[in-house]
C-alpha cells in the first residue's frame, strides 16, 4: 500500500483558523512530522501539538521530530536557499522512509497557506517524482498571514479594480509598481518600509498575528515607521524571533471621492 503525505495549512497562529477541510484531513493522519527550529521557536511546535490535541481527538497518532536545517546567512541568497532546500528534502525523505509505514498517512503542518513563501510543496513533490517511494500526497489550503493581517486591521487587501503585489522585504522597491496601489511585504528582516519613497502611504503592520503575542500598528507610514521599528526590535529581543508582515497602501481616486 502507498504511503500518504498531507501538507496542511494551519493558519497564521490561531487554532480556530483551521478550515473544516483541514480538520477532516487531520482525522486521517497517523504521523505528524515536526521540524525543530530551536528553543526560540518552540512555541510554533507547541501550537501544532495544541491543534492536534483539539482536532484529532482520541485516535492514535504520533509525533516525529527532526532538526530543521539552517540557511547560510552569508553569500548568494538564492544559492543559500537552494542548498537549504536540498538539505531539508533529505530530512523529509528520511522521515518518510524511516518513520512512515506502508499504508500510513503522515502530515506536515504548515503555517499560513502552503502555497505562499513555503518550500514544503516543492520538497514533497520532488520526493514523489523521484520514484523512490510509493507515495500519494495532497495539499490542504490554509488561511494566510495576509488574510489574518487584513482581517485584524479590518481593512481590504486591494483597492477597487486595482492589483496587489506580494513581495519579500528584500525586493521592496522605493516606489509602488505601475498599476499597483497595495503592496504586501513578508519576510522583511531589515525594515524595508523605511526605503519607500512615496507620500501619503498607509501601513498596516502585524506581528505574531492570531497568537496571544499579537501586535498591531497602523497609520500613515511617515507617522508610525519609527514606532514599528522600535516595537519590532523589542519583540524580537523578547521572543528570540519574529513573524510579521505588513500591507502598504496608497489612497486611490475612489478612496478620495468616497470621503
Protein backbone atom coordinates (compact mmCIF):
# COMPACT_ATOMS: atom_id res chain seq x y z
CA UNK A 1 0.00 0.00 0.00
CA UNK A 2 1.28 3.51 -0.73
CA UNK A 3 2.24 5.96 1.94
CA UNK A 4 0.30 9.22 2.03
CA UNK A 5 1.53 12.71 2.82
CA UNK A 6 -0.81 15.60 3.60
CA UNK A 7 0.55 19.14 3.57
CA UNK A 8 -1.94 21.01 5.73
CA UNK A 9 -2.17 24.78 6.06
CA UNK A 10 -2.95 25.60 9.69
CA UNK A 11 -3.43 29.36 9.56
CA UNK A 12 -1.44 32.23 10.97
CA UNK A 13 -1.43 31.31 14.65
CA UNK A 14 -4.99 30.96 15.94
CA UNK A 15 -6.10 27.31 16.32
CA UNK A 16 -9.56 28.43 15.17
CA UNK A 17 -8.07 29.31 11.77
CA UNK A 18 -8.21 25.67 10.70
CA UNK A 19 -10.71 25.03 7.93
CA UNK A 20 -13.18 22.16 8.08
CA UNK A 21 -11.19 20.54 5.27
CA UNK A 22 -8.03 20.72 7.39
CA UNK A 23 -9.82 19.18 10.38
CA UNK A 24 -11.09 16.33 8.19
CA UNK A 25 -7.57 15.79 6.85
CA UNK A 26 -6.15 15.59 10.37
CA UNK A 27 -8.62 12.82 11.17
CA UNK A 28 -6.76 10.62 8.66
CA UNK A 29 -3.23 11.31 9.95
CA UNK A 30 -1.12 8.68 11.72
CA UNK A 31 2.16 10.63 11.96
CA UNK A 32 2.73 14.36 12.41
CA UNK A 33 6.21 15.49 11.39
CA UNK A 34 7.60 18.37 13.46
CA UNK A 35 10.62 20.32 12.27
CA UNK A 36 12.53 21.65 15.27
CA UNK A 37 13.84 25.20 14.74
CA UNK A 38 15.43 25.54 18.17
CA UNK A 39 14.33 26.72 21.63
CA UNK A 40 13.45 30.26 20.49
CA UNK A 41 10.73 28.91 18.19
CA UNK A 42 9.40 26.10 20.36
CA UNK A 43 6.05 27.92 20.57
CA UNK A 44 5.49 27.07 16.90
CA UNK A 45 5.50 23.33 17.53
CA UNK A 46 3.65 23.78 20.82
CA UNK A 47 0.80 25.31 18.82
CA UNK A 48 0.92 22.45 16.32
CA UNK A 49 0.54 20.00 19.20
CA UNK A 50 -2.35 22.04 20.61
CA UNK A 51 -4.08 21.91 17.23
CA UNK A 52 -3.65 18.13 17.08
CA UNK A 53 -4.96 17.67 20.60
CA UNK A 54 -8.03 19.74 19.78
CA UNK A 55 -8.88 18.26 16.40
CA UNK A 56 -7.50 14.70 16.33
CA UNK A 57 -9.36 13.53 19.41
CA UNK A 58 -8.67 10.13 20.93
CA UNK A 59 -7.44 8.42 17.76
CA UNK A 60 -3.92 7.02 17.84
CA UNK A 61 -1.24 9.17 16.24
CA UNK A 62 2.37 10.01 16.93
CA UNK A 63 4.76 12.93 16.59
CA UNK A 64 8.13 12.57 14.91
CA UNK A 65 10.67 15.36 15.45
CA UNK A 66 13.63 16.29 13.28
CA UNK A 67 16.08 19.18 13.36
CA UNK A 68 15.34 21.80 10.73
CA UNK A 69 18.46 22.73 8.72
CA UNK A 70 19.53 26.37 8.90
CA UNK A 71 20.18 28.63 5.95
CA UNK A 72 23.67 30.04 5.39
CA UNK A 73 23.35 33.78 6.02
CA UNK A 74 26.39 34.87 4.05
CA UNK A 75 26.93 34.85 0.29
CA UNK A 76 24.43 34.49 -2.52
CA UNK A 77 20.84 34.32 -1.25
CA UNK A 78 19.38 32.08 -3.97
CA UNK A 79 22.29 29.64 -3.74
CA UNK A 80 21.87 29.51 0.03
CA UNK A 81 18.15 28.78 -0.31
CA UNK A 82 18.81 26.04 -2.88
CA UNK A 83 21.33 24.45 -0.50
CA UNK A 84 18.89 24.71 2.41
CA UNK A 85 16.07 23.10 0.44
CA UNK A 86 18.33 20.26 -0.68
CA UNK A 87 19.17 19.51 2.94
CA UNK A 88 15.52 19.83 4.02
CA UNK A 89 14.48 17.46 1.25
CA UNK A 90 16.97 14.89 2.53
CA UNK A 91 15.46 15.19 6.02
CA UNK A 92 11.90 14.87 4.68
CA UNK A 93 12.83 11.81 2.65
CA UNK A 94 14.49 10.17 5.64
CA UNK A 95 11.36 10.78 7.75
CA UNK A 96 9.07 9.35 5.10
CA UNK A 97 11.29 6.30 4.61
CA UNK A 98 12.02 5.51 8.26
CA UNK A 99 9.05 6.83 10.25
CA UNK A 100 6.04 6.22 8.00
CA UNK A 101 4.83 2.68 7.45
CA UNK A 102 3.23 1.45 4.24
CA UNK A 103 -0.43 2.44 4.21
CA UNK A 104 0.02 5.16 6.83
CA UNK A 105 -0.67 8.88 6.45
CA UNK A 106 1.86 11.49 7.52
CA UNK A 107 1.36 15.25 7.75
CA UNK A 108 3.42 18.42 7.63
CA UNK A 109 1.50 21.25 9.34
CA UNK A 110 2.42 24.46 7.55
CA UNK A 111 1.93 27.96 8.96
CA UNK A 112 -0.49 30.00 6.86
CA UNK A 113 -1.03 28.52 3.42
CA UNK A 114 1.50 26.07 1.92
CA UNK A 115 1.49 27.92 -1.41
CA UNK A 116 2.88 31.20 -0.04
CA UNK A 117 6.59 31.52 0.81
CA UNK A 118 6.95 27.91 1.96
CA UNK A 119 9.05 25.11 0.47
CA UNK A 120 7.11 22.06 1.68
CA UNK A 121 5.12 21.56 -1.54
CA UNK A 122 8.26 21.70 -3.71
CA UNK A 123 10.13 19.27 -1.49
CA UNK A 124 7.38 16.66 -1.25
CA UNK A 125 6.71 16.99 -4.99
CA UNK A 126 10.39 16.27 -5.70
CA UNK A 127 10.41 13.27 -3.37
CA UNK A 128 7.28 11.85 -5.02
CA UNK A 129 8.69 12.46 -8.50
CA UNK A 130 11.93 10.65 -7.63
CA UNK A 131 10.12 7.30 -7.75
CA UNK A 132 12.00 6.05 -4.71
CA UNK A 133 8.77 5.78 -2.69
CA UNK A 134 5.25 4.59 -3.36
CA UNK A 135 3.77 7.91 -2.31
CA UNK A 136 0.44 9.72 -2.64
CA UNK A 137 0.28 13.33 -1.50
CA UNK A 138 -2.20 16.16 -1.18
CA UNK A 139 -2.28 19.85 -0.21
CA UNK A 140 -4.90 21.38 2.09
CA UNK A 141 -5.07 25.19 1.82
CA UNK A 142 -4.92 27.36 4.90
CA UNK A 143 -5.67 30.92 5.98
CA UNK A 144 -2.66 33.03 5.02
CA UNK A 145 -0.94 35.56 7.23
CA UNK A 146 -2.07 38.14 4.66
CA UNK A 147 -5.73 37.27 5.24
CA UNK A 148 -5.26 37.26 9.01
CA UNK A 149 -3.46 40.62 8.91
CA UNK A 150 -6.14 42.43 6.90
CA UNK A 151 -8.92 40.88 8.97
CA UNK A 152 -7.36 42.00 12.25
CA UNK A 153 -6.91 45.52 10.87
CA UNK A 154 -10.48 45.45 9.49
CA UNK A 155 -9.33 46.56 6.08
CA UNK A 156 -9.32 45.31 2.50
CA UNK A 157 -6.31 43.95 0.66
CA UNK A 158 -6.88 45.73 -2.63
CA UNK A 159 -8.45 48.95 -3.88
CA UNK A 160 -11.45 48.61 -6.21
CA UNK A 161 -10.30 47.27 -9.58
CA UNK A 162 -6.64 47.53 -8.62
CA UNK A 163 -3.85 44.95 -8.43
CA UNK A 164 -1.86 43.75 -5.42
CA UNK A 165 1.83 42.88 -5.25
CA UNK A 166 3.21 40.44 -2.67
CA UNK A 167 6.95 40.63 -2.17
CA UNK A 168 9.71 39.69 0.27
CA UNK A 169 11.21 42.66 2.04
CA UNK A 170 14.50 42.48 0.16
CA UNK A 171 12.62 43.10 -3.12
CA UNK A 172 10.61 46.09 -1.94
CA UNK A 173 11.29 48.96 -4.32
CA UNK A 174 11.39 52.64 -3.47
CA UNK A 175 8.19 53.18 -5.44
CA UNK A 176 4.98 51.24 -5.95
CA UNK A 177 4.93 49.14 -9.14
CA UNK A 178 2.94 50.58 -12.05
CA UNK A 179 -0.79 49.91 -11.74
CA UNK A 180 -0.49 48.81 -8.10
CA UNK A 181 -1.74 50.65 -5.02
CA UNK A 182 -1.33 47.82 -2.48
CA UNK A 183 1.90 46.01 -1.61
CA UNK A 184 2.10 43.19 0.94
CA UNK A 185 5.57 42.69 2.38
CA UNK A 186 6.65 39.44 4.00
CA UNK A 187 9.98 38.05 5.20
CA UNK A 188 11.32 41.51 5.96
CA UNK A 189 14.36 41.34 8.24
CA UNK A 190 15.60 44.88 7.60
CA UNK A 191 12.59 47.22 8.00
CA UNK A 192 12.41 47.68 4.23
CA UNK A 193 9.44 50.05 4.55
CA UNK A 194 11.99 52.70 5.53
CA UNK A 195 13.21 52.95 1.94
CA UNK A 196 9.79 53.51 0.36
CA UNK A 197 9.83 56.97 -1.19
CA UNK A 198 6.11 57.65 -1.55
CA UNK A 199 3.95 60.34 0.02
CA UNK A 200 0.61 59.62 1.70
CA UNK A 201 1.08 55.86 2.23
CA UNK A 202 -0.80 53.88 4.87
CA UNK A 203 0.82 50.89 6.59
CA UNK A 204 -0.96 48.04 8.36
CA UNK A 205 1.65 46.05 10.30
CA UNK A 206 1.20 42.96 12.42
CA UNK A 207 3.44 40.54 14.31
CA UNK A 208 2.52 37.11 15.73
CA UNK A 209 -0.97 37.67 14.27
CA UNK A 210 -3.54 35.28 15.70
CA UNK A 211 -1.44 34.35 18.73
CA UNK A 212 -1.55 35.67 22.32
CA UNK A 213 1.57 37.73 21.49
CA UNK A 214 -0.13 39.60 18.64
CA UNK A 215 0.94 43.21 17.98
CA UNK A 216 -0.84 45.53 15.54
CA UNK A 217 0.15 49.03 14.40
CA UNK A 218 -1.48 51.08 11.63
CA UNK A 219 -1.27 54.63 10.36
CA UNK A 220 0.50 56.90 7.92
CA UNK A 221 3.89 55.41 7.14
CA UNK A 222 5.73 58.64 7.93
CA UNK A 223 4.00 58.82 11.32
CA UNK A 224 4.41 55.24 12.57
CA UNK A 225 7.55 53.90 10.84
CA UNK A 226 9.74 54.69 13.83
CA UNK A 227 7.28 53.11 16.25
CA UNK A 228 7.09 49.92 14.18
CA UNK A 229 10.88 49.69 14.00
CA UNK A 230 11.20 50.12 17.78
CA UNK A 231 8.37 47.71 18.68
CA UNK A 232 9.67 45.16 16.19
CA UNK A 233 13.16 45.21 17.72
CA UNK A 234 11.73 44.89 21.24
CA UNK A 235 9.52 41.96 20.23
CA UNK A 236 12.38 40.14 18.53
CA UNK A 237 14.57 40.61 21.60
CA UNK A 238 11.81 39.41 23.93
CA UNK A 239 10.83 36.30 21.96
CA UNK A 240 14.06 35.46 20.13
CA UNK A 241 12.24 35.51 16.77
CA UNK A 242 9.55 37.45 14.98
CA UNK A 243 6.89 36.55 12.44
CA UNK A 244 5.44 39.71 10.92
CA UNK A 245 4.04 41.13 7.70
CA UNK A 246 2.53 44.38 6.56
CA UNK A 247 0.33 45.98 3.93
CA UNK A 248 1.37 49.25 2.30
CA UNK A 249 -1.41 51.07 0.52
CA UNK A 250 -1.70 54.48 -1.07
CA UNK A 251 -5.07 56.19 -1.42
CA UNK A 252 -6.79 55.86 -4.79
CA UNK A 253 -9.18 58.19 -6.57
CA UNK A 254 -12.07 56.00 -5.39
CA UNK A 255 -10.94 56.38 -1.77
CA UNK A 256 -10.71 60.15 -2.07
CA UNK A 257 -14.09 60.58 -3.80
CA UNK A 258 -15.87 58.42 -1.21
CA UNK A 259 -14.90 60.68 1.71
